[in-house]
Amino acid sequence: MRRKSAKIPKAKFKIGQIVKHRIHSFRGVIFDVDPVFANTEEWWLSIPEDRRPRKDQPYYHLLAENSETEYIAYVSEQNLRPDETGNPVRHPQVKELFSKRSRGAYQARFLQLH
C-alpha cells in the first residue's frame, strides 16, 4: 500500500529577488527559502491571530530594511509582493551573500568550502 506524501509547495519567489511586504513598510532581498514554516511556535503565536499566516506555504528569509534600520526578516509567501522600485537593498550583508544586481535581482555568491 502506497502512502500519500504531503505535497511540498513550490516557492513563488527566488533567492536574490527583491520583495516587499504587502502590509508593513519594509522590503528586502531573499537569501533563503523554507518550503513550509520552519520557525518556532512561539514566533508564530506572537503574530496576532487575525493576521497569522498559514504554515503550509513557503517562508522566506530576507535581508530586510525599512526607513530606519536593516535587519533579518522571516516572511510568509502570502505577505510578499515583488518590489518594482529597481532600487538596491542597503542591508550591509548584501555584499557578503550576493555578487551583483541585474534586472531587479541579486546573483548569489557561491561559497567554496575548503
PDB file of N, CA and C in Angstrom:
ATOM      1  N   MET A   1       0.834  -1.169   0.000  1.00  0.00           N
ATOM      2  CA  MET A   1       0.000   0.000   0.000  1.00  0.00           C
ATOM      3  C   MET A   1       0.890   1.248   0.000  1.00  0.00           C
ATOM      4  N   ARG A   2       0.631   2.143  -0.918  1.00  0.00           N
ATOM      5  CA  ARG A   2       1.419   3.379  -1.013  1.00  0.00           C
ATOM      6  C   ARG A   2       0.831   4.444  -0.115  1.00  0.00           C
ATOM      7  N   ARG A   3       1.730   5.124   0.578  1.00  0.00           N
ATOM      8  CA  ARG A   3       1.293   6.251   1.406  1.00  0.00           C
ATOM      9  C   ARG A   3       1.288   7.511   0.567  1.00  0.00           C
ATOM     10  N   LYS A   4       0.305   8.300   0.812  1.00  0.00           N
ATOM     11  CA  LYS A   4       0.228   9.593   0.129  1.00  0.00           C
ATOM     12  C   LYS A   4       1.202  10.541   0.800  1.00  0.00           C
ATOM     13  N   SER A   5       2.112  11.104   0.042  1.00  0.00           N
ATOM     14  CA  SER A   5       3.059  12.043   0.634  1.00  0.00           C
ATOM     15  C   SER A   5       2.495  13.454   0.553  1.00  0.00           C
ATOM     16  N   ALA A   6       2.859  14.237   1.550  1.00  0.00           N
ATOM     17  CA  ALA A   6       2.410  15.637   1.573  1.00  0.00           C
ATOM     18  C   ALA A   6       3.096  16.379   0.434  1.00  0.00           C
ATOM     19  N   LYS A   7       2.337  17.193  -0.247  1.00  0.00           N
ATOM     20  CA  LYS A   7       2.880  17.976  -1.346  1.00  0.00           C
ATOM     21  C   LYS A   7       3.641  19.168  -0.800  1.00  0.00           C
ATOM     22  N   ILE A   8       4.881  19.337  -1.261  1.00  0.00           N
ATOM     23  CA  ILE A   8       5.681  20.475  -0.827  1.00  0.00           C
ATOM     24  C   ILE A   8       5.388  21.637  -1.775  1.00  0.00           C
ATOM     25  N   PRO A   9       4.964  22.775  -1.215  1.00  0.00           N
ATOM     26  CA  PRO A   9       4.640  23.921  -2.069  1.00  0.00           C
ATOM     27  C   PRO A   9       5.862  24.430  -2.827  1.00  0.00           C
ATOM     28  N   LYS A  10       5.638  24.852  -4.051  1.00  0.00           N
ATOM     29  CA  LYS A  10       6.713  25.439  -4.850  1.00  0.00           C
ATOM     30  C   LYS A  10       6.799  26.934  -4.537  1.00  0.00           C
ATOM     31  N   ALA A  11       8.021  27.397  -4.298  1.00  0.00           N
ATOM     32  CA  ALA A  11       8.235  28.811  -3.961  1.00  0.00           C
ATOM     33  C   ALA A  11       7.960  29.709  -5.165  1.00  0.00           C
ATOM     34  N   LYS A  12       7.234  30.765  -4.936  1.00  0.00           N
ATOM     35  CA  LYS A  12       6.893  31.748  -5.968  1.00  0.00           C
ATOM     36  C   LYS A  12       8.063  32.697  -6.234  1.00  0.00           C
ATOM     37  N   PHE A  13       8.836  33.009  -5.176  1.00  0.00           N
ATOM     38  CA  PHE A  13       9.954  33.939  -5.278  1.00  0.00           C
ATOM     39  C   PHE A  13      11.270  33.178  -5.205  1.00  0.00           C
ATOM     40  N   LYS A  14      12.341  33.802  -5.686  1.00  0.00           N
ATOM     41  CA  LYS A  14      13.646  33.141  -5.780  1.00  0.00           C
ATOM     42  C   LYS A  14      14.705  33.858  -4.941  1.00  0.00           C
ATOM     43  N   ILE A  15      15.740  33.109  -4.593  1.00  0.00           N
ATOM     44  CA  ILE A  15      16.870  33.694  -3.885  1.00  0.00           C
ATOM     45  C   ILE A  15      17.462  34.800  -4.754  1.00  0.00           C
ATOM     46  N   GLY A  16      17.719  35.942  -4.138  1.00  0.00           N
ATOM     47  CA  GLY A  16      18.249  37.104  -4.854  1.00  0.00           C
ATOM     48  C   GLY A  16      17.180  38.094  -5.291  1.00  0.00           C
ATOM     49  N   GLN A  17      15.923  37.666  -5.268  1.00  0.00           N
ATOM     50  CA  GLN A  17      14.839  38.553  -5.691  1.00  0.00           C
ATOM     51  C   GLN A  17      14.551  39.588  -4.607  1.00  0.00           C
ATOM     52  N   ILE A  18      14.253  40.816  -5.026  1.00  0.00           N
ATOM     53  CA  ILE A  18      13.894  41.885  -4.097  1.00  0.00           C
ATOM     54  C   ILE A  18      12.376  41.911  -3.987  1.00  0.00           C
ATOM     55  N   VAL A  19      11.896  41.868  -2.748  1.00  0.00           N
ATOM     56  CA  VAL A  19      10.460  41.817  -2.481  1.00  0.00           C
ATOM     57  C   VAL A  19      10.099  42.857  -1.429  1.00  0.00           C
ATOM     58  N   LYS A  20       8.805  43.095  -1.286  1.00  0.00           N
ATOM     59  CA  LYS A  20       8.311  44.000  -0.247  1.00  0.00           C
ATOM     60  C   LYS A  20       7.161  43.316   0.476  1.00  0.00           C
ATOM     61  N   HIS A  21       6.943  43.739   1.709  1.00  0.00           N
ATOM     62  CA  HIS A  21       5.838  43.196   2.497  1.00  0.00           C
ATOM     63  C   HIS A  21       4.548  43.840   2.029  1.00  0.00           C
ATOM     64  N   ARG A  22       3.497  43.075   1.974  1.00  0.00           N
ATOM     65  CA  ARG A  22       2.231  43.613   1.453  1.00  0.00           C
ATOM     66  C   ARG A  22       1.509  44.506   2.457  1.00  0.00           C
ATOM     67  N   ILE A  23       1.831  44.390   3.747  1.00  0.00           N
ATOM     68  CA  ILE A  23       1.162  45.209   4.768  1.00  0.00           C
ATOM     69  C   ILE A  23       2.129  46.205   5.406  1.00  0.00           C
ATOM     70  N   HIS A  24       3.260  45.699   5.873  1.00  0.00           N
ATOM     71  CA  HIS A  24       4.222  46.537   6.598  1.00  0.00           C
ATOM     72  C   HIS A  24       5.196  47.214   5.631  1.00  0.00           C
ATOM     73  N   SER A  25       5.738  48.334   6.057  1.00  0.00           N
ATOM     74  CA  SER A  25       6.617  49.139   5.202  1.00  0.00           C
ATOM     75  C   SER A  25       8.060  48.661   5.271  1.00  0.00           C
ATOM     76  N   PHE A  26       8.338  47.491   4.707  1.00  0.00           N
ATOM     77  CA  PHE A  26       9.716  47.059   4.568  1.00  0.00           C
ATOM     78  C   PHE A  26       9.878  46.233   3.309  1.00  0.00           C
ATOM     79  N   ARG A  27      11.113  46.161   2.876  1.00  0.00           N
ATOM     80  CA  ARG A  27      11.474  45.411   1.676  1.00  0.00           C
ATOM     81  C   ARG A  27      12.781  44.698   1.948  1.00  0.00           C
ATOM     82  N   GLY A  28      13.170  43.798   1.067  1.00  0.00           N
ATOM     83  CA  GLY A  28      14.428  43.106   1.268  1.00  0.00           C
ATOM     84  C   GLY A  28      14.751  42.161   0.135  1.00  0.00           C
ATOM     85  N   VAL A  29      15.908  41.538   0.248  1.00  0.00           N
ATOM     86  CA  VAL A  29      16.343  40.562  -0.742  1.00  0.00           C
ATOM     87  C   VAL A  29      16.300  39.179  -0.091  1.00  0.00           C
ATOM     88  N   ILE A  30      15.775  38.207  -0.817  1.00  0.00           N
ATOM     89  CA  ILE A  30      15.638  36.841  -0.313  1.00  0.00           C
ATOM     90  C   ILE A  30      16.995  36.154  -0.327  1.00  0.00           C
ATOM     91  N   PHE A  31      17.387  35.567   0.838  1.00  0.00           N
ATOM     92  CA  PHE A  31      18.642  34.826   0.882  1.00  0.00           C
ATOM     93  C   PHE A  31      18.452  33.356   1.231  1.00  0.00           C
ATOM     94  N   ASP A  32      17.239  32.950   1.598  1.00  0.00           N
ATOM     95  CA  ASP A  32      16.952  31.546   1.854  1.00  0.00           C
ATOM     96  C   ASP A  32      15.442  31.345   1.809  1.00  0.00           C
ATOM     97  N   VAL A  33      15.037  30.091   1.547  1.00  0.00           N
ATOM     98  CA  VAL A  33      13.615  29.761   1.462  1.00  0.00           C
ATOM     99  C   VAL A  33      13.366  28.451   2.203  1.00  0.00           C
ATOM    100  N   ASP A  34      12.332  28.434   3.029  1.00  0.00           N
ATOM    101  CA  ASP A  34      11.848  27.203   3.655  1.00  0.00           C
ATOM    102  C   ASP A  34      10.577  26.806   2.910  1.00  0.00           C
ATOM    103  N   PRO A  35      10.446  25.542   2.478  1.00  0.00           N
ATOM    104  CA  PRO A  35       9.250  25.148   1.721  1.00  0.00           C
ATOM    105  C   PRO A  35       7.954  25.284   2.527  1.00  0.00           C
ATOM    106  N   VAL A  36       8.055  25.157   3.845  1.00  0.00           N
ATOM    107  CA  VAL A  36       6.937  25.379   4.762  1.00  0.00           C
ATOM    108  C   VAL A  36       7.499  26.048   6.006  1.00  0.00           C
ATOM    109  N   PHE A  37       6.640  26.494   6.897  1.00  0.00           N
ATOM    110  CA  PHE A  37       7.047  27.170   8.117  1.00  0.00           C
ATOM    111  C   PHE A  37       8.093  26.353   8.872  1.00  0.00           C
ATOM    112  N   ALA A  38       9.199  27.003   9.274  1.00  0.00           N
ATOM    113  CA  ALA A  38      10.279  26.312   9.983  1.00  0.00           C
ATOM    114  C   ALA A  38      10.856  27.181  11.094  1.00  0.00           C
ATOM    115  N   ASN A  39      10.032  28.008  11.698  1.00  0.00           N
ATOM    116  CA  ASN A  39      10.463  28.835  12.818  1.00  0.00           C
ATOM    117  C   ASN A  39       9.830  28.260  14.082  1.00  0.00           C
ATOM    118  N   THR A  40       9.968  28.948  15.198  1.00  0.00           N
ATOM    119  CA  THR A  40       9.425  28.424  16.451  1.00  0.00           C
ATOM    120  C   THR A  40       7.929  28.679  16.570  1.00  0.00           C
ATOM    121  N   GLU A  41       7.291  27.853  17.347  1.00  0.00           N
ATOM    122  CA  GLU A  41       5.866  28.035  17.629  1.00  0.00           C
ATOM    123  C   GLU A  41       5.641  29.363  18.354  1.00  0.00           C
ATOM    124  N   GLU A  42       6.560  29.719  19.229  1.00  0.00           N
ATOM    125  CA  GLU A  42       6.474  30.987  19.952  1.00  0.00           C
ATOM    126  C   GLU A  42       6.450  32.171  18.973  1.00  0.00           C
ATOM    127  N   TRP A  43       7.320  32.119  17.959  1.00  0.00           N
ATOM    128  CA  TRP A  43       7.360  33.184  16.952  1.00  0.00           C
ATOM    129  C   TRP A  43       6.020  33.267  16.232  1.00  0.00           C
ATOM    130  N   TRP A  44       5.504  32.122  15.818  1.00  0.00           N
ATOM    131  CA  TRP A  44       4.240  32.082  15.065  1.00  0.00           C
ATOM    132  C   TRP A  44       3.088  32.604  15.915  1.00  0.00           C
ATOM    133  N   LEU A  45       3.035  32.196  17.184  1.00  0.00           N
ATOM    134  CA  LEU A  45       1.949  32.624  18.074  1.00  0.00           C
ATOM    135  C   LEU A  45       2.054  34.102  18.454  1.00  0.00           C
ATOM    136  N   SER A  46       3.229  34.704  18.273  1.00  0.00           N
ATOM    137  CA  SER A  46       3.383  36.130  18.584  1.00  0.00           C
ATOM    138  C   SER A  46       2.689  37.027  17.555  1.00  0.00           C
ATOM    139  N   ILE A  47       2.323  36.463  16.422  1.00  0.00           N
ATOM    140  CA  ILE A  47       1.609  37.209  15.381  1.00  0.00           C
ATOM    141  C   ILE A  47       0.131  37.245  15.764  1.00  0.00           C
ATOM    142  N   PRO A  48      -0.508  38.412  15.716  1.00  0.00           N
ATOM    143  CA  PRO A  48      -1.937  38.469  16.059  1.00  0.00           C
ATOM    144  C   PRO A  48      -2.727  37.450  15.230  1.00  0.00           C
ATOM    145  N   GLU A  49      -3.632  36.761  15.891  1.00  0.00           N
ATOM    146  CA  GLU A  49      -4.370  35.657  15.260  1.00  0.00           C
ATOM    147  C   GLU A  49      -5.054  36.052  13.949  1.00  0.00           C
ATOM    148  N   ASP A  50      -5.598  37.254  13.894  1.00  0.00           N
ATOM    149  CA  ASP A  50      -6.289  37.680  12.673  1.00  0.00           C
ATOM    150  C   ASP A  50      -5.336  37.972  11.515  1.00  0.00           C
ATOM    151  N   ARG A  51      -4.018  38.017  11.782  1.00  0.00           N
ATOM    152  CA  ARG A  51      -3.010  38.255  10.735  1.00  0.00           C
ATOM    153  C   ARG A  51      -2.042  37.080  10.594  1.00  0.00           C
ATOM    154  N   ARG A  52      -2.236  36.047  11.380  1.00  0.00           N
ATOM    155  CA  ARG A  52      -1.315  34.908  11.402  1.00  0.00           C
ATOM    156  C   ARG A  52      -1.386  34.141  10.081  1.00  0.00           C
ATOM    157  N   PRO A  53      -0.235  34.014   9.387  1.00  0.00           N
ATOM    158  CA  PRO A  53      -0.240  33.302   8.108  1.00  0.00           C
ATOM    159  C   PRO A  53      -0.310  31.786   8.289  1.00  0.00           C
ATOM    160  N   ARG A  54      -0.717  31.115   7.247  1.00  0.00           N
ATOM    161  CA  ARG A  54      -0.741  29.649   7.246  1.00  0.00           C
ATOM    162  C   ARG A  54       0.685  29.113   7.327  1.00  0.00           C
ATOM    163  N   LYS A  55       0.854  27.939   7.866  1.00  0.00           N
ATOM    164  CA  LYS A  55       2.181  27.321   7.966  1.00  0.00           C
ATOM    165  C   LYS A  55       2.538  26.514   6.717  1.00  0.00           C
ATOM    166  N   ASP A  56       1.557  26.143   5.930  1.00  0.00           N
ATOM    167  CA  ASP A  56       1.764  25.237   4.789  1.00  0.00           C
ATOM    168  C   ASP A  56       2.095  25.976   3.493  1.00  0.00           C
ATOM    169  N   GLN A  57       2.967  26.937   3.575  1.00  0.00           N
ATOM    170  CA  GLN A  57       3.379  27.715   2.405  1.00  0.00           C
ATOM    171  C   GLN A  57       4.855  28.046   2.560  1.00  0.00           C
ATOM    172  N   PRO A  58       5.529  28.439   1.491  1.00  0.00           N
ATOM    173  CA  PRO A  58       6.937  28.833   1.628  1.00  0.00           C
ATOM    174  C   PRO A  58       7.095  30.056   2.534  1.00  0.00           C
ATOM    175  N   TYR A  59       8.206  30.057   3.272  1.00  0.00           N
ATOM    176  CA  TYR A  59       8.611  31.178   4.117  1.00  0.00           C
ATOM    177  C   TYR A  59       9.993  31.620   3.668  1.00  0.00           C
ATOM    178  N   TYR A  60      10.214  32.918   3.637  1.00  0.00           N
ATOM    179  CA  TYR A  60      11.421  33.494   3.076  1.00  0.00           C
ATOM    180  C   TYR A  60      12.236  34.224   4.133  1.00  0.00           C
ATOM    181  N   HIS A  61      13.548  34.033   4.067  1.00  0.00           N
ATOM    182  CA  HIS A  61      14.493  34.755   4.916  1.00  0.00           C
ATOM    183  C   HIS A  61      14.968  35.956   4.106  1.00  0.00           C
ATOM    184  N   LEU A  62      14.808  37.150   4.653  1.00  0.00           N
ATOM    185  CA  LEU A  62      15.156  38.377   3.930  1.00  0.00           C
ATOM    186  C   LEU A  62      16.231  39.172   4.655  1.00  0.00           C
ATOM    187  N   LEU A  63      17.119  39.758   3.871  1.00  0.00           N
ATOM    188  CA  LEU A  63      17.955  40.849   4.361  1.00  0.00           C
ATOM    189  C   LEU A  63      17.057  42.058   4.165  1.00  0.00           C
ATOM    190  N   ALA A  64      16.436  42.500   5.241  1.00  0.00           N
ATOM    191  CA  ALA A  64      15.351  43.483   5.148  1.00  0.00           C
ATOM    192  C   ALA A  64      15.783  44.876   5.590  1.00  0.00           C
ATOM    193  N   GLU A  65      14.975  45.844   5.171  1.00  0.00           N
ATOM    194  CA  GLU A  65      15.196  47.235   5.557  1.00  0.00           C
ATOM    195  C   GLU A  65      13.870  47.969   5.590  1.00  0.00           C
ATOM    196  N   ASN A  66      13.814  48.943   6.478  1.00  0.00           N
ATOM    197  CA  ASN A  66      12.708  49.901   6.462  1.00  0.00           C
ATOM    198  C   ASN A  66      13.342  51.288   6.455  1.00  0.00           C
ATOM    199  N   SER A  67      12.579  52.306   6.703  1.00  0.00           N
ATOM    200  CA  SER A  67      13.138  53.662   6.630  1.00  0.00           C
ATOM    201  C   SER A  67      14.150  53.944   7.743  1.00  0.00           C
ATOM    202  N   GLU A  68      14.150  53.132   8.797  1.00  0.00           N
ATOM    203  CA  GLU A  68      15.007  53.396   9.941  1.00  0.00           C
ATOM    204  C   GLU A  68      16.199  52.466  10.106  1.00  0.00           C
ATOM    205  N   THR A  69      16.080  51.203   9.709  1.00  0.00           N
ATOM    206  CA  THR A  69      17.124  50.233  10.033  1.00  0.00           C
ATOM    207  C   THR A  69      17.143  49.051   9.061  1.00  0.00           C
ATOM    208  N   GLU A  70      18.149  48.192   9.227  1.00  0.00           N
ATOM    209  CA  GLU A  70      18.265  46.956   8.461  1.00  0.00           C
ATOM    210  C   GLU A  70      18.214  45.796   9.448  1.00  0.00           C
ATOM    211  N   TYR A  71      17.679  44.674   9.023  1.00  0.00           N
ATOM    212  CA  TYR A  71      17.514  43.518   9.901  1.00  0.00           C
ATOM    213  C   TYR A  71      17.229  42.271   9.066  1.00  0.00           C
ATOM    214  N   ILE A  72      17.098  41.135   9.742  1.00  0.00           N
ATOM    215  CA  ILE A  72      16.723  39.877   9.097  1.00  0.00           C
ATOM    216  C   ILE A  72      15.232  39.668   9.361  1.00  0.00           C
ATOM    217  N   ALA A  73      14.480  39.313   8.320  1.00  0.00           N
ATOM    218  CA  ALA A  73      13.043  39.070   8.467  1.00  0.00           C
ATOM    219  C   ALA A  73      12.706  37.665   7.974  1.00  0.00           C
ATOM    220  N   TYR A  74      11.664  37.096   8.522  1.00  0.00           N
ATOM    221  CA  TYR A  74      11.143  35.784   8.130  1.00  0.00           C
ATOM    222  C   TYR A  74       9.685  36.005   7.754  1.00  0.00           C
ATOM    223  N   VAL A  75       9.344  35.819   6.475  1.00  0.00           N
ATOM    224  CA  VAL A  75       8.038  36.255   5.980  1.00  0.00           C
ATOM    225  C   VAL A  75       7.379  35.163   5.148  1.00  0.00           C
ATOM    226  N   SER A  76       6.076  34.995   5.355  1.00  0.00           N
ATOM    227  CA  SER A  76       5.301  34.020   4.578  1.00  0.00           C
ATOM    228  C   SER A  76       5.109  34.520   3.148  1.00  0.00           C
ATOM    229  N   GLU A  77       4.969  33.578   2.236  1.00  0.00           N
ATOM    230  CA  GLU A  77       4.788  33.939   0.830  1.00  0.00           C
ATOM    231  C   GLU A  77       3.559  34.817   0.627  1.00  0.00           C
ATOM    232  N   GLN A  78       2.469  34.544   1.351  1.00  0.00           N
ATOM    233  CA  GLN A  78       1.234  35.311   1.167  1.00  0.00           C
ATOM    234  C   GLN A  78       1.409  36.789   1.496  1.00  0.00           C
ATOM    235  N   ASN A  79       2.453  37.133   2.252  1.00  0.00           N
ATOM    236  CA  ASN A  79       2.671  38.524   2.648  1.00  0.00           C
ATOM    237  C   ASN A  79       3.739  39.239   1.827  1.00  0.00           C
ATOM    238  N   LEU A  80       4.207  38.625   0.763  1.00  0.00           N
ATOM    239  CA  LEU A  80       5.235  39.255  -0.070  1.00  0.00           C
ATOM    240  C   LEU A  80       4.708  39.602  -1.451  1.00  0.00           C
ATOM    241  N   ARG A  81       5.273  40.648  -1.997  1.00  0.00           N
ATOM    242  CA  ARG A  81       4.998  41.094  -3.366  1.00  0.00           C
ATOM    243  C   ARG A  81       6.340  41.453  -3.999  1.00  0.00           C
ATOM    244  N   PRO A  82       6.465  41.352  -5.320  1.00  0.00           N
ATOM    245  CA  PRO A  82       7.712  41.798  -5.959  1.00  0.00           C
ATOM    246  C   PRO A  82       7.908  43.297  -5.716  1.00  0.00           C
ATOM    247  N   ASP A  83       9.157  43.703  -5.512  1.00  0.00           N
ATOM    248  CA  ASP A  83       9.473  45.126  -5.371  1.00  0.00           C
ATOM    249  C   ASP A  83       9.787  45.654  -6.760  1.00  0.00           C
ATOM    250  N   GLU A  84       9.050  46.639  -7.193  1.00  0.00           N
ATOM    251  CA  GLU A  84       9.177  47.170  -8.547  1.00  0.00           C
ATOM    252  C   GLU A  84       9.994  48.455  -8.613  1.00  0.00           C
ATOM    253  N   THR A  85      10.586  48.888  -7.498  1.00  0.00           N
ATOM    254  CA  THR A  85      11.271  50.180  -7.482  1.00  0.00           C
ATOM    255  C   THR A  85      12.569  50.179  -8.287  1.00  0.00           C
ATOM    256  N   GLY A  86      13.226  49.033  -8.364  1.00  0.00           N
ATOM    257  CA  GLY A  86      14.520  48.979  -9.039  1.00  0.00           C
ATOM    258  C   GLY A  86      15.663  49.462  -8.169  1.00  0.00           C
ATOM    259  N   ASN A  87      15.382  49.842  -6.939  1.00  0.00           N
ATOM    260  CA  ASN A  87      16.411  50.335  -6.024  1.00  0.00           C
ATOM    261  C   ASN A  87      17.162  49.183  -5.366  1.00  0.00           C
ATOM    262  N   PRO A  88      18.460  49.343  -5.122  1.00  0.00           N
ATOM    263  CA  PRO A  88      19.211  48.304  -4.423  1.00  0.00           C
ATOM    264  C   PRO A  88      18.789  48.236  -2.949  1.00  0.00           C
ATOM    265  N   VAL A  89      19.091  47.107  -2.316  1.00  0.00           N
ATOM    266  CA  VAL A  89      18.844  46.942  -0.889  1.00  0.00           C
ATOM    267  C   VAL A  89      20.111  47.378  -0.158  1.00  0.00           C
ATOM    268  N   ARG A  90      19.976  48.203   0.870  1.00  0.00           N
ATOM    269  CA  ARG A  90      21.151  48.765   1.541  1.00  0.00           C
ATOM    270  C   ARG A  90      21.668  47.909   2.693  1.00  0.00           C
ATOM    271  N   HIS A  91      21.033  46.780   2.976  1.00  0.00           N
ATOM    272  CA  HIS A  91      21.446  45.925   4.099  1.00  0.00           C
ATOM    273  C   HIS A  91      22.940  45.604   3.974  1.00  0.00           C
ATOM    274  N   PRO A  92      23.725  45.742   5.057  1.00  0.00           N
ATOM    275  CA  PRO A  92      25.184  45.549   4.971  1.00  0.00           C
ATOM    276  C   PRO A  92      25.626  44.139   4.573  1.00  0.00           C
ATOM    277  N   GLN A  93      24.790  43.135   4.765  1.00  0.00           N
ATOM    278  CA  GLN A  93      25.178  41.770   4.417  1.00  0.00           C
ATOM    279  C   GLN A  93      24.943  41.418   2.943  1.00  0.00           C
ATOM    280  N   VAL A  94      24.312  42.299   2.194  1.00  0.00           N
ATOM    281  CA  VAL A  94      24.054  42.014   0.778  1.00  0.00           C
ATOM    282  C   VAL A  94      25.355  41.675   0.051  1.00  0.00           C
ATOM    283  N   LYS A  95      26.411  42.457   0.295  1.00  0.00           N
ATOM    284  CA  LYS A  95      27.689  42.243  -0.403  1.00  0.00           C
ATOM    285  C   LYS A  95      28.354  40.924  -0.019  1.00  0.00           C
ATOM    286  N   GLU A  96      28.039  40.405   1.170  1.00  0.00           N
ATOM    287  CA  GLU A  96      28.593  39.118   1.598  1.00  0.00           C
ATOM    288  C   GLU A  96      27.939  37.950   0.872  1.00  0.00           C
ATOM    289  N   LEU A  97      26.642  38.052   0.607  1.00  0.00           N
ATOM    290  CA  LEU A  97      25.888  36.932   0.049  1.00  0.00           C
ATOM    291  C   LEU A  97      25.647  37.007  -1.453  1.00  0.00           C
ATOM    292  N   PHE A  98      25.732  38.206  -2.017  1.00  0.00           N
ATOM    293  CA  PHE A  98      25.402  38.387  -3.426  1.00  0.00           C
ATOM    294  C   PHE A  98      26.497  39.147  -4.148  1.00  0.00           C
ATOM    295  N   SER A  99      26.660  38.830  -5.443  1.00  0.00           N
ATOM    296  CA  SER A  99      27.727  39.468  -6.200  1.00  0.00           C
ATOM    297  C   SER A  99      27.253  40.734  -6.903  1.00  0.00           C
ATOM    298  N   LYS A 100      26.287  40.638  -7.758  1.00  0.00           N
ATOM    299  CA  LYS A 100      25.838  41.832  -8.487  1.00  0.00           C
ATOM    300  C   LYS A 100      24.340  41.787  -8.673  1.00  0.00           C
ATOM    301  N   ARG A 101      23.803  42.906  -9.088  1.00  0.00           N
ATOM    302  CA  ARG A 101      22.365  43.031  -9.274  1.00  0.00           C
ATOM    303  C   ARG A 101      22.075  43.325 -10.740  1.00  0.00           C
ATOM    304  N   SER A 102      21.104  42.596 -11.267  1.00  0.00           N
ATOM    305  CA  SER A 102      20.652  42.889 -12.628  1.00  0.00           C
ATOM    306  C   SER A 102      19.181  42.513 -12.745  1.00  0.00           C
ATOM    307  N   ARG A 103      18.457  43.308 -13.484  1.00  0.00           N
ATOM    308  CA  ARG A 103      17.021  43.100 -13.697  1.00  0.00           C
ATOM    309  C   ARG A 103      16.251  42.926 -12.390  1.00  0.00           C
ATOM    310  N   GLY A 104      16.567  43.722 -11.386  1.00  0.00           N
ATOM    311  CA  GLY A 104      15.823  43.714 -10.136  1.00  0.00           C
ATOM    312  C   GLY A 104      16.125  42.558  -9.195  1.00  0.00           C
ATOM    313  N   ALA A 105      17.174  41.794  -9.460  1.00  0.00           N
ATOM    314  CA  ALA A 105      17.528  40.676  -8.576  1.00  0.00           C
ATOM    315  C   ALA A 105      19.040  40.630  -8.390  1.00  0.00           C
ATOM    316  N   TYR A 106      19.448  40.045  -7.285  1.00  0.00           N
ATOM    317  CA  TYR A 106      20.867  39.851  -6.998  1.00  0.00           C
ATOM    318  C   TYR A 106      21.268  38.435  -7.384  1.00  0.00           C
ATOM    319  N   GLN A 107      22.529  38.262  -7.739  1.00  0.00           N
ATOM    320  CA  GLN A 107      23.059  36.930  -8.025  1.00  0.00           C
ATOM    321  C   GLN A 107      23.811  36.451  -6.796  1.00  0.00           C
ATOM    322  N   ALA A 108      23.454  35.254  -6.333  1.00  0.00           N
ATOM    323  CA  ALA A 108      24.078  34.703  -5.125  1.00  0.00           C
ATOM    324  C   ALA A 108      25.541  34.363  -5.384  1.00  0.00           C
ATOM    325  N   ARG A 109      26.348  34.626  -4.383  1.00  0.00           N
ATOM    326  CA  ARG A 109      27.758  34.206  -4.427  1.00  0.00           C
ATOM    327  C   ARG A 109      27.779  32.725  -4.079  1.00  0.00           C
ATOM    328  N   PHE A 110      28.605  31.969  -4.757  1.00  0.00           N
ATOM    329  CA  PHE A 110      28.764  30.564  -4.421  1.00  0.00           C
ATOM    330  C   PHE A 110      30.012  30.425  -3.592  1.00  0.00           C
ATOM    331  N   LEU A 111      29.834  30.065  -2.343  1.00  0.00           N
ATOM    332  CA  LEU A 111      30.967  29.936  -1.434  1.00  0.00           C
ATOM    333  C   LEU A 111      31.605  28.570  -1.598  1.00  0.00           C
ATOM    334  N   GLN A 112      32.889  28.533  -1.689  1.00  0.00           N
ATOM    335  CA  GLN A 112      33.608  27.277  -1.811  1.00  0.00           C
ATOM    336  C   GLN A 112      34.111  26.866  -0.439  1.00  0.00           C
ATOM    337  N   LEU A 113      33.852  25.616  -0.091  1.00  0.00           N
ATOM    338  CA  LEU A 113      34.335  25.076   1.170  1.00  0.00           C
ATOM    339  C   LEU A 113      35.660  24.392   0.920  1.00  0.00           C
ATOM    340  N   HIS A 114      36.630  24.631   1.774  1.00  0.00           N
ATOM    341  CA  HIS A 114      37.960  24.043   1.597  1.00  0.00           C
ATOM    342  C   HIS A 114      38.152  22.893   2.539  1.00  0.00           C
TER     343      HIS A 114
END
